[in-house]
Amino acid sequence: MYDTLPATIPWSGPNKEYLTYLINEFIRVFGLLAVANGRGEYLLSVAGVDLLRMMLFNLLSEEVERADKGGMLAWSRRLSEEQLDLLATIPPAAPTRQSIIDAHLACASAFLPRARRMAERWEIEWPQRFEDATWRHLEREVGMKRPASLM
């Protein structure tokens, strides 16, 4: 039976439904910063940064062009050096207002451009109105402006 198995499994592209979910979920969780900030829940916001970081990891995993991506506990075998370096740019979040804002911005700066490129490549509709509304909400409630690099 083993001899009948193919040597490799062809990659058929990322899971488009999952990518669509991941993009929308990232924007939703990113926008929750306004709620946590308004309540002064900075310790809780550290968990939000961890969620955003894992969504970035999941996005990077979807970029990997092979069917067998290895186990969850083997990031260095799954992701490229460039992808690992990108994950490392997300600063550890301390339970302070500025630390949380900085970490959220770092997550958005790493996630959104890559997600947008993947959406274009794989013909996934980008939730532009949702993203724009989230940035407007964060500017109004937190004072966080969208960086020019994310416009």
C-alpha atoms as a PDB file:
ATOM      1  CA  MET A   1       0.000   0.000   0.000  1.00  0.00           C
ATOM      2  CA  TYR A   2       2.847   2.392   0.876  1.00  0.00           C
ATOM      3  CA  ASP A   3       4.276   2.042  -2.630  1.00  0.00           C
ATOM      4  CA  THR A   4       1.004   3.305  -4.102  1.00  0.00           C
ATOM      5  CA  LEU A   5       1.178   6.631  -2.239  1.00  0.00           C
ATOM      6  CA  PRO A   6       2.392   9.665  -4.195  1.00  0.00           C
ATOM      7  CA  ALA A   7       5.806  11.077  -3.253  1.00  0.00           C
ATOM      8  CA  THR A   8       4.247  14.482  -2.666  1.00  0.00           C
ATOM      9  CA  ILE A   9       0.774  15.934  -2.462  1.00  0.00           C
ATOM     10  CA  PRO A  10       0.186  18.879  -4.819  1.00  0.00           C
ATOM     11  CA  TRP A  11      -0.709  22.188  -3.197  1.00  0.00           C
ATOM     12  CA  SER A  12      -4.069  23.440  -4.425  1.00  0.00           C
ATOM     13  CA  GLY A  13      -3.740  26.924  -2.976  1.00  0.00           C
ATOM     14  CA  PRO A  14      -4.879  28.374   0.317  1.00  0.00           C
ATOM     15  CA  ASN A  15      -8.262  27.673   1.845  1.00  0.00           C
ATOM     16  CA  LYS A  16     -10.180  30.676   0.450  1.00  0.00           C
ATOM     17  CA  GLU A  17     -13.065  30.349   2.900  1.00  0.00           C
ATOM     18  CA  TYR A  18     -10.639  30.296   5.801  1.00  0.00           C
ATOM     19  CA  LEU A  19      -8.705  33.274   4.414  1.00  0.00           C
ATOM     20  CA  THR A  20     -11.933  35.255   4.087  1.00  0.00           C
ATOM     21  CA  TYR A  21     -12.816  34.398   7.683  1.00  0.00           C
ATOM     22  CA  LEU A  22      -9.289  35.189   8.896  1.00  0.00           C
ATOM     23  CA  ILE A  23      -9.223  38.636   7.269  1.00  0.00           C
ATOM     24  CA  ASN A  24     -12.601  39.594   8.708  1.00  0.00           C
ATOM     25  CA  GLU A  25     -11.786  38.157  12.129  1.00  0.00           C
ATOM     26  CA  PHE A  26      -8.491  40.051  12.253  1.00  0.00           C
ATOM     27  CA  ILE A  27     -10.255  43.341  11.525  1.00  0.00           C
ATOM     28  CA  ARG A  28     -12.961  42.557  14.109  1.00  0.00           C
ATOM     29  CA  VAL A  29     -10.489  41.701  16.891  1.00  0.00           C
ATOM     30  CA  PHE A  30      -8.291  44.659  15.929  1.00  0.00           C
ATOM     31  CA  GLY A  31     -11.300  46.949  16.330  1.00  0.00           C
ATOM     32  CA  LEU A  32     -12.032  45.602  19.806  1.00  0.00           C
ATOM     33  CA  LEU A  33      -9.085  47.655  20.998  1.00  0.00           C
ATOM     34  CA  ALA A  34     -11.557  50.541  21.304  1.00  0.00           C
ATOM     35  CA  VAL A  35     -13.686  48.575  23.780  1.00  0.00           C
ATOM     36  CA  ALA A  36     -10.749  47.368  25.869  1.00  0.00           C
ATOM     37  CA  ASN A  37      -9.195  50.839  25.852  1.00  0.00           C
ATOM     38  CA  GLY A  38     -12.456  52.473  26.878  1.00  0.00           C
ATOM     39  CA  ARG A  39     -12.746  50.107  29.828  1.00  0.00           C
ATOM     40  CA  GLY A  40      -9.057  50.339  30.730  1.00  0.00           C
ATOM     41  CA  GLU A  41      -8.764  46.562  30.236  1.00  0.00           C
ATOM     42  CA  TYR A  42      -5.094  46.595  29.300  1.00  0.00           C
ATOM     43  CA  LEU A  43      -4.339  43.166  30.751  1.00  0.00           C
ATOM     44  CA  LEU A  44      -7.156  41.733  28.637  1.00  0.00           C
ATOM     45  CA  SER A  45      -5.730  43.598  25.648  1.00  0.00           C
ATOM     46  CA  VAL A  46      -2.524  41.591  25.962  1.00  0.00           C
ATOM     47  CA  ALA A  47      -4.642  38.529  25.116  1.00  0.00           C
ATOM     48  CA  GLY A  48      -6.049  40.444  22.125  1.00  0.00           C
ATOM     49  CA  VAL A  49      -2.530  41.046  20.839  1.00  0.00           C
ATOM     50  CA  ASP A  50      -1.827  37.328  21.218  1.00  0.00           C
ATOM     51  CA  LEU A  51      -4.936  36.571  19.124  1.00  0.00           C
ATOM     52  CA  LEU A  52      -3.776  38.986  16.421  1.00  0.00           C
ATOM     53  CA  ARG A  53      -0.288  37.451  16.434  1.00  0.00           C
ATOM     54  CA  MET A  54      -1.774  33.957  15.994  1.00  0.00           C
ATOM     55  CA  MET A  55      -3.915  35.214  13.132  1.00  0.00           C
ATOM     56  CA  LEU A  56      -0.729  36.530  11.515  1.00  0.00           C
ATOM     57  CA  PHE A  57       0.842  33.093  11.993  1.00  0.00           C
ATOM     58  CA  ASN A  58      -2.222  31.480  10.398  1.00  0.00           C
ATOM     59  CA  LEU A  59      -2.060  33.890   7.458  1.00  0.00           C
ATOM     60  CA  LEU A  60       1.631  33.110   6.972  1.00  0.00           C
ATOM     61  CA  SER A  61       0.837  29.391   7.134  1.00  0.00           C
ATOM     62  CA  GLU A  62      -1.716  29.815   4.353  1.00  0.00           C
ATOM     63  CA  GLU A  63       1.041  31.389   2.231  1.00  0.00           C
ATOM     64  CA  VAL A  64       3.153  28.234   2.450  1.00  0.00           C
ATOM     65  CA  GLU A  65       2.839  26.538  -0.914  1.00  0.00           C
ATOM     66  CA  ARG A  66       2.824  22.913   0.085  1.00  0.00           C
ATOM     67  CA  ALA A  67       0.025  20.580   1.109  1.00  0.00           C
ATOM     68  CA  ASP A  68       1.821  19.063   4.105  1.00  0.00           C
ATOM     69  CA  LYS A  69       2.795  22.032   6.247  1.00  0.00           C
ATOM     70  CA  GLY A  70       3.988  20.015   9.232  1.00  0.00           C
ATOM     71  CA  GLY A  71       2.820  20.209  12.791  1.00  0.00           C
ATOM     72  CA  MET A  72       1.748  23.232  14.779  1.00  0.00           C
ATOM     73  CA  LEU A  73       4.775  22.922  17.043  1.00  0.00           C
ATOM     74  CA  ALA A  74       7.264  23.244  14.185  1.00  0.00           C
ATOM     75  CA  TRP A  75       7.081  26.898  13.186  1.00  0.00           C
ATOM     76  CA  SER A  76      10.683  26.992  11.996  1.00  0.00           C
ATOM     77  CA  ARG A  77      10.044  24.082   9.616  1.00  0.00           C
ATOM     78  CA  ARG A  78       6.723  25.475   8.420  1.00  0.00           C
ATOM     79  CA  LEU A  79       7.561  29.122   7.829  1.00  0.00           C
ATOM     80  CA  SER A  80      10.363  30.783   5.911  1.00  0.00           C
ATOM     81  CA  GLU A  81      13.043  32.829   7.629  1.00  0.00           C
ATOM     82  CA  GLU A  82      11.367  36.004   6.294  1.00  0.00           C
ATOM     83  CA  GLN A  83       8.011  34.953   7.748  1.00  0.00           C
ATOM     84  CA  LEU A  84       9.559  34.132  11.119  1.00  0.00           C
ATOM     85  CA  ASP A  85      11.334  37.497  11.114  1.00  0.00           C
ATOM     86  CA  LEU A  86       8.001  39.208  10.437  1.00  0.00           C
ATOM     87  CA  LEU A  87       6.390  37.443  13.399  1.00  0.00           C
ATOM     88  CA  ALA A  88       9.316  38.559  15.542  1.00  0.00           C
ATOM     89  CA  THR A  89       8.574  42.224  14.723  1.00  0.00           C
ATOM     90  CA  ILE A  90       5.449  42.106  16.893  1.00  0.00           C
ATOM     91  CA  PRO A  91       6.586  43.570  20.207  1.00  0.00           C
ATOM     92  CA  PRO A  92       5.617  41.869  23.437  1.00  0.00           C
ATOM     93  CA  ALA A  93       2.643  43.714  24.867  1.00  0.00           C
ATOM     94  CA  ALA A  94       2.688  45.085  28.382  1.00  0.00           C
ATOM     95  CA  PRO A  95      -0.641  45.889  30.049  1.00  0.00           C
ATOM     96  CA  THR A  96      -0.328  49.621  29.392  1.00  0.00           C
ATOM     97  CA  ARG A  97      -2.286  51.774  26.997  1.00  0.00           C
ATOM     98  CA  GLN A  98       0.668  52.734  24.781  1.00  0.00           C
ATOM     99  CA  SER A  99       2.155  49.245  24.682  1.00  0.00           C
ATOM    100  CA  ILE A 100      -1.185  47.798  23.596  1.00  0.00           C
ATOM    101  CA  ILE A 101      -1.652  50.433  20.891  1.00  0.00           C
ATOM    102  CA  ASP A 102       1.898  49.886  19.602  1.00  0.00           C
ATOM    103  CA  ALA A 103       1.420  46.112  19.488  1.00  0.00           C
ATOM    104  CA  HIS A 104      -1.926  46.427  17.683  1.00  0.00           C
ATOM    105  CA  LEU A 105      -0.355  48.721  15.099  1.00  0.00           C
ATOM    106  CA  ALA A 106       2.559  46.312  14.627  1.00  0.00           C
ATOM    107  CA  CYS A 107       0.111  43.443  14.071  1.00  0.00           C
ATOM    108  CA  ALA A 108      -1.905  45.459  11.564  1.00  0.00           C
ATOM    109  CA  SER A 109       1.235  46.592   9.740  1.00  0.00           C
ATOM    110  CA  ALA A 110       2.376  42.983   9.400  1.00  0.00           C
ATOM    111  CA  PHE A 111      -1.003  41.382   8.656  1.00  0.00           C
ATOM    112  CA  LEU A 112      -3.037  43.740   6.488  1.00  0.00           C
ATOM    113  CA  PRO A 113      -0.668  44.289   3.520  1.00  0.00           C
ATOM    114  CA  ARG A 114       0.046  40.559   3.212  1.00  0.00           C
ATOM    115  CA  ALA A 115      -3.604  39.640   3.584  1.00  0.00           C
ATOM    116  CA  ARG A 116      -4.545  42.189   0.942  1.00  0.00           C
ATOM    117  CA  ARG A 117      -1.974  40.759  -1.498  1.00  0.00           C
ATOM    118  CA  MET A 118      -3.252  37.249  -0.857  1.00  0.00           C
ATOM    119  CA  ALA A 119      -6.843  38.375  -1.353  1.00  0.00           C
ATOM    120  CA  GLU A 120      -5.919  39.948  -4.693  1.00  0.00           C
ATOM    121  CA  ARG A 121      -3.936  36.904  -5.816  1.00  0.00           C
ATOM    122  CA  TRP A 122      -6.677  34.445  -4.931  1.00  0.00           C
ATOM    123  CA  GLU A 123      -9.610  36.681  -5.951  1.00  0.00           C
ATOM    124  CA  ILE A 124     -11.039  37.120  -2.473  1.00  0.00           C
ATOM    125  CA  GLU A 125     -13.145  40.230  -1.987  1.00  0.00           C
ATOM    126  CA  TRP A 126     -11.473  42.632   0.418  1.00  0.00           C
ATOM    127  CA  PRO A 127     -13.779  43.972   3.188  1.00  0.00           C
ATOM    128  CA  GLN A 128     -12.781  47.592   2.507  1.00  0.00           C
ATOM    129  CA  ARG A 129     -15.828  49.180   4.122  1.00  0.00           C
ATOM    130  CA  PHE A 130     -15.308  47.110   7.271  1.00  0.00           C
ATOM    131  CA  GLU A 131     -11.615  47.999   7.420  1.00  0.00           C
ATOM    132  CA  ASP A 132     -12.289  51.711   6.834  1.00  0.00           C
ATOM    133  CA  ALA A 133     -15.037  51.793   9.484  1.00  0.00           C
ATOM    134  CA  THR A 134     -12.724  50.052  11.958  1.00  0.00           C
ATOM    135  CA  TRP A 135      -9.957  52.603  11.418  1.00  0.00           C
ATOM    136  CA  ARG A 136     -12.419  55.496  11.793  1.00  0.00           C
ATOM    137  CA  HIS A 137     -13.737  53.950  15.016  1.00  0.00           C
ATOM    138  CA  LEU A 138     -10.231  53.469  16.418  1.00  0.00           C
ATOM    139  CA  GLU A 139      -9.267  57.019  15.544  1.00  0.00           C
ATOM    140  CA  ARG A 140     -12.391  58.389  17.244  1.00  0.00           C
ATOM    141  CA  GLU A 141     -12.257  56.177  20.348  1.00  0.00           C
ATOM    142  CA  VAL A 142      -8.530  55.572  20.856  1.00  0.00           C
ATOM    143  CA  GLY A 143      -6.854  58.342  18.859  1.00  0.00           C
ATOM    144  CA  MET A 144      -5.101  55.735  16.694  1.00  0.00           C
ATOM    145  CA  LYS A 145      -4.564  56.937  13.144  1.00  0.00           C
ATOM    146  CA  ARG A 146      -4.129  54.588  10.234  1.00  0.00           C
ATOM    147  CA  PRO A 147      -0.496  54.735   9.113  1.00  0.00           C
ATOM    148  CA  ALA A 148       0.057  56.004   5.580  1.00  0.00           C
ATOM    149  CA  SER A 149       1.650  52.647   4.769  1.00  0.00           C
ATOM    150  CA  LEU A 150      -1.742  50.975   5.358  1.00  0.00           C
ATOM    151  CA  MET A 151      -3.844  53.275   3.202  1.00  0.00           C
END
